[in-house]
Structure formats: C-alpha cells, structure tokens
C-alpha cells in the first residue's frame, strides 16, 4: 500500500525542498506544487510533494497515521 504523508516545508531551493516528517528530515521535489512555500504542509509521496494542505488536515492525517501504527503493534 502506498501512502502520502504530511510534511512541513523547512526550506526551498529551486524545485527542491527540505521537509520535516515527524522529526525526520528529507529532500522532496516541489515541481508538482510550485505554489508551496516555507511553512506550508504538503502531502509527500514517492519523493514528490503532490498537494499543499492546510495545518488542520496535516494534523488530522498525522494523528490517524499514529493510530494506525499503534493498532499494528
């Protein structure tokens, strides 16, 4: 199963961004989301930011993913 995860944009360099995913930093392409800016949450999938999302949606999704993880233990 493939899942897109919320990631907070920390910095941008051209079409690449450094993001934070629950304390883990990664590089991602923002080629598909040129409107994204530092401080925005994006849905990240397979190394690409595929959509800008609001803070509420990001927090709800993170909570759901944590619940799923806890249920699987």
PDB file of N, CA and C in Angstrom:
ATOM      1  N   UNK A   1       0.842  -1.176   0.000  1.00  0.00           N
ATOM      2  CA  UNK A   1       0.000   0.000   0.000  1.00  0.00           C
ATOM      3  C   UNK A   1       0.888   1.241   0.000  1.00  0.00           C
ATOM      4  N   UNK A   2       0.566   2.201  -0.806  1.00  0.00           N
ATOM      5  CA  UNK A   2       1.296   3.464  -0.864  1.00  0.00           C
ATOM      6  C   UNK A   2       0.499   4.526  -0.116  1.00  0.00           C
ATOM      7  N   UNK A   3       1.201   5.304   0.679  1.00  0.00           N
ATOM      8  CA  UNK A   3       0.548   6.336   1.475  1.00  0.00           C
ATOM      9  C   UNK A   3       1.299   7.647   1.292  1.00  0.00           C
ATOM     10  N   UNK A   4       0.576   8.718   1.070  1.00  0.00           N
ATOM     11  CA  UNK A   4       1.178  10.049   1.062  1.00  0.00           C
ATOM     12  C   UNK A   4       1.149  10.563   2.495  1.00  0.00           C
ATOM     13  N   UNK A   5       2.240  11.173   2.929  1.00  0.00           N
ATOM     14  CA  UNK A   5       2.335  11.638   4.311  1.00  0.00           C
ATOM     15  C   UNK A   5       2.511  13.153   4.359  1.00  0.00           C
ATOM     16  N   UNK A   6       1.952  13.795   5.387  1.00  0.00           N
ATOM     17  CA  UNK A   6       2.142  15.237   5.542  1.00  0.00           C
ATOM     18  C   UNK A   6       3.596  15.554   5.886  1.00  0.00           C
ATOM     19  N   UNK A   7       4.118  16.583   5.259  1.00  0.00           N
ATOM     20  CA  UNK A   7       5.483  17.027   5.509  1.00  0.00           C
ATOM     21  C   UNK A   7       5.488  18.554   5.567  1.00  0.00           C
ATOM     22  N   UNK A   8       6.214  19.087   6.530  1.00  0.00           N
ATOM     23  CA  UNK A   8       6.331  20.530   6.715  1.00  0.00           C
ATOM     24  C   UNK A   8       7.548  21.037   5.955  1.00  0.00           C
ATOM     25  N   UNK A   9       7.356  22.015   5.107  1.00  0.00           N
ATOM     26  CA  UNK A   9       8.476  22.571   4.339  1.00  0.00           C
ATOM     27  C   UNK A   9       9.321  23.479   5.229  1.00  0.00           C
ATOM     28  N   UNK A  10      10.614  23.141   5.316  1.00  0.00           N
ATOM     29  CA  UNK A  10      11.559  23.908   6.119  1.00  0.00           C
ATOM     30  C   UNK A  10      12.348  24.912   5.284  1.00  0.00           C
ATOM     31  N   UNK A  11      12.713  24.509   4.067  1.00  0.00           N
ATOM     32  CA  UNK A  11      13.459  25.393   3.170  1.00  0.00           C
ATOM     33  C   UNK A  11      13.219  24.950   1.739  1.00  0.00           C
ATOM     34  N   UNK A  12      13.442  25.900   0.827  1.00  0.00           N
ATOM     35  CA  UNK A  12      13.243  25.637  -0.595  1.00  0.00           C
ATOM     36  C   UNK A  12      14.461  26.103  -1.366  1.00  0.00           C
ATOM     37  N   UNK A  13      14.877  25.272  -2.332  1.00  0.00           N
ATOM     38  CA  UNK A  13      15.976  25.612  -3.230  1.00  0.00           C
ATOM     39  C   UNK A  13      15.541  25.214  -4.638  1.00  0.00           C
ATOM     40  N   UNK A  14      15.007  26.167  -5.385  1.00  0.00           N
ATOM     41  CA  UNK A  14      14.503  25.879  -6.724  1.00  0.00           C
ATOM     42  C   UNK A  14      13.257  25.019  -6.660  1.00  0.00           C
ATOM     43  N   UNK A  15      13.323  23.828  -7.243  1.00  0.00           N
ATOM     44  CA  UNK A  15      12.174  22.918  -7.213  1.00  0.00           C
ATOM     45  C   UNK A  15      12.383  21.783  -6.202  1.00  0.00           C
ATOM     46  N   UNK A  16      13.297  21.992  -5.288  1.00  0.00           N
ATOM     47  CA  UNK A  16      13.576  21.016  -4.234  1.00  0.00           C
ATOM     48  C   UNK A  16      13.340  21.675  -2.881  1.00  0.00           C
ATOM     49  N   UNK A  17      12.866  20.879  -1.932  1.00  0.00           N
ATOM     50  CA  UNK A  17      12.619  21.413  -0.597  1.00  0.00           C
ATOM     51  C   UNK A  17      13.115  20.439   0.463  1.00  0.00           C
ATOM     52  N   UNK A  18      13.550  20.989   1.586  1.00  0.00           N
ATOM     53  CA  UNK A  18      13.826  20.167   2.758  1.00  0.00           C
ATOM     54  C   UNK A  18      12.554  20.177   3.588  1.00  0.00           C
ATOM     55  N   UNK A  19      12.080  18.984   3.966  1.00  0.00           N
ATOM     56  CA  UNK A  19      10.842  18.865   4.725  1.00  0.00           C
ATOM     57  C   UNK A  19      11.089  18.105   6.011  1.00  0.00           C
ATOM     58  N   UNK A  20      10.173  18.291   6.947  1.00  0.00           N
ATOM     59  CA  UNK A  20      10.185  17.564   8.206  1.00  0.00           C
ATOM     60  C   UNK A  20       8.956  16.670   8.253  1.00  0.00           C
ATOM     61  N   UNK A  21       9.183  15.387   8.481  1.00  0.00           N
ATOM     62  CA  UNK A  21       8.101  14.419   8.631  1.00  0.00           C
ATOM     63  C   UNK A  21       8.229  13.834  10.033  1.00  0.00           C
ATOM     64  N   UNK A  22       7.520  14.442  10.972  1.00  0.00           N
ATOM     65  CA  UNK A  22       7.539  13.970  12.362  1.00  0.00           C
ATOM     66  C   UNK A  22       8.959  13.777  12.887  1.00  0.00           C
ATOM     67  N   UNK A  23       9.812  14.794  12.674  1.00  0.00           N
ATOM     68  CA  UNK A  23      11.173  14.776  13.197  1.00  0.00           C
ATOM     69  C   UNK A  23      12.223  14.215  12.246  1.00  0.00           C
ATOM     70  N   UNK A  24      11.805  13.687  11.117  1.00  0.00           N
ATOM     71  CA  UNK A  24      12.739  13.147  10.129  1.00  0.00           C
ATOM     72  C   UNK A  24      12.805  14.129   8.964  1.00  0.00           C
ATOM     73  N   UNK A  25      14.027  14.534   8.622  1.00  0.00           N
ATOM     74  CA  UNK A  25      14.204  15.476   7.516  1.00  0.00           C
ATOM     75  C   UNK A  25      14.532  14.737   6.228  1.00  0.00           C
ATOM     76  N   UNK A  26      13.901  15.203   5.158  1.00  0.00           N
ATOM     77  CA  UNK A  26      14.095  14.612   3.834  1.00  0.00           C
ATOM     78  C   UNK A  26      14.112  15.712   2.791  1.00  0.00           C
ATOM     79  N   UNK A  27      14.630  15.384   1.606  1.00  0.00           N
ATOM     80  CA  UNK A  27      14.522  16.262   0.437  1.00  0.00           C
ATOM     81  C   UNK A  27      13.353  15.757  -0.390  1.00  0.00           C
ATOM     82  N   UNK A  28      12.604  16.671  -0.966  1.00  0.00           N
ATOM     83  CA  UNK A  28      11.493  16.300  -1.830  1.00  0.00           C
ATOM     84  C   UNK A  28      11.404  17.282  -2.986  1.00  0.00           C
ATOM     85  N   UNK A  29      10.841  16.840  -4.062  1.00  0.00           N
ATOM     86  CA  UNK A  29      10.613  17.713  -5.201  1.00  0.00           C
ATOM     87  C   UNK A  29       9.304  18.468  -5.006  1.00  0.00           C
ATOM     88  N   UNK A  30       9.328  19.763  -5.271  1.00  0.00           N
ATOM     89  CA  UNK A  30       8.091  20.549  -5.249  1.00  0.00           C
ATOM     90  C   UNK A  30       7.727  20.981  -6.673  1.00  0.00           C
ATOM     91  N   UNK A  31       8.245  20.251  -7.633  1.00  0.00           N
ATOM     92  CA  UNK A  31       7.952  20.533  -9.041  1.00  0.00           C
ATOM     93  C   UNK A  31       6.452  20.524  -9.321  1.00  0.00           C
ATOM     94  N   UNK A  32       5.724  19.620  -8.674  1.00  0.00           N
ATOM     95  CA  UNK A  32       4.284  19.497  -8.892  1.00  0.00           C
ATOM     96  C   UNK A  32       3.465  20.495  -8.069  1.00  0.00           C
ATOM     97  N   UNK A  33       4.118  21.177  -7.128  1.00  0.00           N
ATOM     98  CA  UNK A  33       3.434  22.144  -6.254  1.00  0.00           C
ATOM     99  C   UNK A  33       4.216  23.457  -6.211  1.00  0.00           C
ATOM    100  N   UNK A  34       4.302  24.146  -7.335  1.00  0.00           N
ATOM    101  CA  UNK A  34       5.109  25.367  -7.383  1.00  0.00           C
ATOM    102  C   UNK A  34       4.611  26.465  -6.450  1.00  0.00           C
ATOM    103  N   UNK A  35       3.361  26.367  -5.989  1.00  0.00           N
ATOM    104  CA  UNK A  35       2.812  27.375  -5.071  1.00  0.00           C
ATOM    105  C   UNK A  35       3.266  27.162  -3.624  1.00  0.00           C
ATOM    106  N   UNK A  36       3.888  26.024  -3.331  1.00  0.00           N
ATOM    107  CA  UNK A  36       4.320  25.704  -1.969  1.00  0.00           C
ATOM    108  C   UNK A  36       5.379  26.688  -1.497  1.00  0.00           C
ATOM    109  N   UNK A  37       5.303  27.016  -0.206  1.00  0.00           N
ATOM    110  CA  UNK A  37       6.280  27.934   0.381  1.00  0.00           C
ATOM    111  C   UNK A  37       6.711  27.425   1.750  1.00  0.00           C
ATOM    112  N   UNK A  38       7.794  27.974   2.267  1.00  0.00           N
ATOM    113  CA  UNK A  38       8.297  27.587   3.584  1.00  0.00           C
ATOM    114  C   UNK A  38       7.181  27.781   4.609  1.00  0.00           C
ATOM    115  N   UNK A  39       7.004  26.764   5.456  1.00  0.00           N
ATOM    116  CA  UNK A  39       5.960  26.794   6.473  1.00  0.00           C
ATOM    117  C   UNK A  39       4.689  26.088   6.074  1.00  0.00           C
ATOM    118  N   UNK A  40       4.557  25.771   4.778  1.00  0.00           N
ATOM    119  CA  UNK A  40       3.389  25.026   4.299  1.00  0.00           C
ATOM    120  C   UNK A  40       3.552  23.541   4.599  1.00  0.00           C
ATOM    121  N   UNK A  41       2.417  22.868   4.759  1.00  0.00           N
ATOM    122  CA  UNK A  41       2.399  21.408   4.778  1.00  0.00           C
ATOM    123  C   UNK A  41       2.053  20.933   3.373  1.00  0.00           C
ATOM    124  N   UNK A  42       2.722  19.863   2.962  1.00  0.00           N
ATOM    125  CA  UNK A  42       2.424  19.235   1.680  1.00  0.00           C
ATOM    126  C   UNK A  42       2.211  17.750   1.922  1.00  0.00           C
ATOM    127  N   UNK A  43       1.453  17.127   1.038  1.00  0.00           N
ATOM    128  CA  UNK A  43       1.387  15.669   1.040  1.00  0.00           C
ATOM    129  C   UNK A  43       2.547  15.189   0.194  1.00  0.00           C
ATOM    130  N   UNK A  44       3.386  14.347   0.780  1.00  0.00           N
ATOM    131  CA  UNK A  44       4.576  13.851   0.094  1.00  0.00           C
ATOM    132  C   UNK A  44       4.380  12.381  -0.253  1.00  0.00           C
ATOM    133  N   UNK A  45       4.638  12.054  -1.507  1.00  0.00           N
ATOM    134  CA  UNK A  45       4.509  10.672  -1.978  1.00  0.00           C
ATOM    135  C   UNK A  45       5.619  10.387  -2.970  1.00  0.00           C
ATOM    136  N   UNK A  46       6.366   9.340  -2.705  1.00  0.00           N
ATOM    137  CA  UNK A  46       7.422   8.874  -3.609  1.00  0.00           C
ATOM    138  C   UNK A  46       8.412   9.980  -3.977  1.00  0.00           C
ATOM    139  N   UNK A  47       8.747  10.820  -2.986  1.00  0.00           N
ATOM    140  CA  UNK A  47       9.736  11.864  -3.218  1.00  0.00           C
ATOM    141  C   UNK A  47       9.210  13.136  -3.835  1.00  0.00           C
ATOM    142  N   UNK A  48       7.892  13.232  -3.996  1.00  0.00           N
ATOM    143  CA  UNK A  48       7.277  14.418  -4.583  1.00  0.00           C
ATOM    144  C   UNK A  48       6.216  14.986  -3.652  1.00  0.00           C
ATOM    145  N   UNK A  49       6.199  16.304  -3.532  1.00  0.00           N
ATOM    146  CA  UNK A  49       5.085  16.980  -2.873  1.00  0.00           C
ATOM    147  C   UNK A  49       3.968  17.033  -3.906  1.00  0.00           C
ATOM    148  N   UNK A  50       2.843  16.378  -3.598  1.00  0.00           N
ATOM    149  CA  UNK A  50       1.792  16.273  -4.604  1.00  0.00           C
ATOM    150  C   UNK A  50       0.634  17.238  -4.382  1.00  0.00           C
ATOM    151  N   UNK A  51       0.558  17.836  -3.171  1.00  0.00           N
ATOM    152  CA  UNK A  51      -0.522  18.786  -2.909  1.00  0.00           C
ATOM    153  C   UNK A  51      -0.202  19.566  -1.651  1.00  0.00           C
ATOM    154  N   UNK A  52      -0.480  20.855  -1.651  1.00  0.00           N
ATOM    155  CA  UNK A  52      -0.376  21.673  -0.438  1.00  0.00           C
ATOM    156  C   UNK A  52      -1.642  21.435   0.375  1.00  0.00           C
ATOM    157  N   UNK A  53      -1.477  21.231   1.686  1.00  0.00           N
ATOM    158  CA  UNK A  53      -2.629  21.012   2.567  1.00  0.00           C
ATOM    159  C   UNK A  53      -2.581  21.999   3.723  1.00  0.00           C
ATOM    160  N   UNK A  54      -3.741  22.222   4.358  1.00  0.00           N
ATOM    161  CA  UNK A  54      -3.751  23.146   5.489  1.00  0.00           C
ATOM    162  C   UNK A  54      -3.301  22.425   6.765  1.00  0.00           C
ATOM    163  N   UNK A  55      -2.998  23.213   7.778  1.00  0.00           N
ATOM    164  CA  UNK A  55      -2.462  22.683   9.039  1.00  0.00           C
ATOM    165  C   UNK A  55      -3.429  21.685   9.670  1.00  0.00           C
ATOM    166  N   UNK A  56      -4.719  21.988   9.658  1.00  0.00           N
ATOM    167  CA  UNK A  56      -5.703  21.101  10.274  1.00  0.00           C
ATOM    168  C   UNK A  56      -5.696  19.727   9.607  1.00  0.00           C
ATOM    169  N   UNK A  57      -5.696  19.703   8.275  1.00  0.00           N
ATOM    170  CA  UNK A  57      -5.664  18.423   7.562  1.00  0.00           C
ATOM    171  C   UNK A  57      -4.370  17.674   7.865  1.00  0.00           C
ATOM    172  N   UNK A  58      -3.261  18.389   7.928  1.00  0.00           N
ATOM    173  CA  UNK A  58      -1.976  17.751   8.231  1.00  0.00           C
ATOM    174  C   UNK A  58      -2.019  17.120   9.620  1.00  0.00           C
ATOM    175  N   UNK A  59      -2.509  17.849  10.612  1.00  0.00           N
ATOM    176  CA  UNK A  59      -2.566  17.335  11.982  1.00  0.00           C
ATOM    177  C   UNK A  59      -3.500  16.133  12.091  1.00  0.00           C
ATOM    178  N   UNK A  60      -4.643  16.195  11.426  1.00  0.00           N
ATOM    179  CA  UNK A  60      -5.589  15.074  11.444  1.00  0.00           C
ATOM    180  C   UNK A  60      -4.980  13.827  10.795  1.00  0.00           C
ATOM    181  N   UNK A  61      -4.293  14.012   9.693  1.00  0.00           N
ATOM    182  CA  UNK A  61      -3.680  12.883   8.995  1.00  0.00           C
ATOM    183  C   UNK A  61      -2.557  12.280   9.828  1.00  0.00           C
ATOM    184  N   UNK A  62      -1.734  13.120  10.436  1.00  0.00           N
ATOM    185  CA  UNK A  62      -0.650  12.628  11.302  1.00  0.00           C
ATOM    186  C   UNK A  62      -1.235  11.820  12.457  1.00  0.00           C
ATOM    187  N   UNK A  63      -2.317  12.320  13.076  1.00  0.00           N
ATOM    188  CA  UNK A  63      -2.962  11.595  14.180  1.00  0.00           C
ATOM    189  C   UNK A  63      -3.488  10.240  13.710  1.00  0.00           C
ATOM    190  N   UNK A  64      -4.116  10.203  12.532  1.00  0.00           N
ATOM    191  CA  UNK A  64      -4.623   8.940  12.003  1.00  0.00           C
ATOM    192  C   UNK A  64      -3.495   7.945  11.730  1.00  0.00           C
ATOM    193  N   UNK A  65      -2.402   8.419  11.163  1.00  0.00           N
ATOM    194  CA  UNK A  65      -1.265   7.541  10.887  1.00  0.00           C
ATOM    195  C   UNK A  65      -0.663   6.991  12.177  1.00  0.00           C
ATOM    196  N   UNK A  66      -0.634   7.819  13.219  1.00  0.00           N
ATOM    197  CA  UNK A  66      -0.142   7.352  14.526  1.00  0.00           C
ATOM    198  C   UNK A  66      -1.072   6.284  15.104  1.00  0.00           C
ATOM    199  N   UNK A  67      -2.371   6.475  14.966  1.00  0.00           N
ATOM    200  CA  UNK A  67      -3.347   5.492  15.433  1.00  0.00           C
ATOM    201  C   UNK A  67      -3.188   4.171  14.693  1.00  0.00           C
ATOM    202  N   UNK A  68      -3.017   4.237  13.379  1.00  0.00           N
ATOM    203  CA  UNK A  68      -2.826   3.030  12.575  1.00  0.00           C
ATOM    204  C   UNK A  68      -1.559   2.302  13.028  1.00  0.00           C
ATOM    205  N   UNK A  69      -0.505   3.063  13.246  1.00  0.00           N
ATOM    206  CA  UNK A  69       0.757   2.472  13.693  1.00  0.00           C
ATOM    207  C   UNK A  69       0.599   1.791  15.053  1.00  0.00           C
ATOM    208  N   UNK A  70      -0.084   2.453  15.967  1.00  0.00           N
ATOM    209  CA  UNK A  70      -0.293   1.889  17.312  1.00  0.00           C
ATOM    210  C   UNK A  70      -1.144   0.621  17.247  1.00  0.00           C
ATOM    211  N   UNK A  71      -2.137   0.595  16.371  1.00  0.00           N
ATOM    212  CA  UNK A  71      -3.016  -0.574  16.250  1.00  0.00           C
ATOM    213  C   UNK A  71      -2.263  -1.785  15.693  1.00  0.00           C
ATOM    214  N   UNK A  72      -1.227  -1.536  14.935  1.00  0.00           N
ATOM    215  CA  UNK A  72      -0.476  -2.618  14.323  1.00  0.00           C
ATOM    216  C   UNK A  72       0.562  -3.241  15.235  1.00  0.00           C
ATOM    217  N   UNK A  73       0.729  -2.712  16.412  1.00  0.00           N
ATOM    218  CA  UNK A  73       1.755  -3.232  17.336  1.00  0.00           C
ATOM    219  C   UNK A  73       1.259  -4.405  18.114  1.00  0.00           C
TER     220      UNK A  73
END
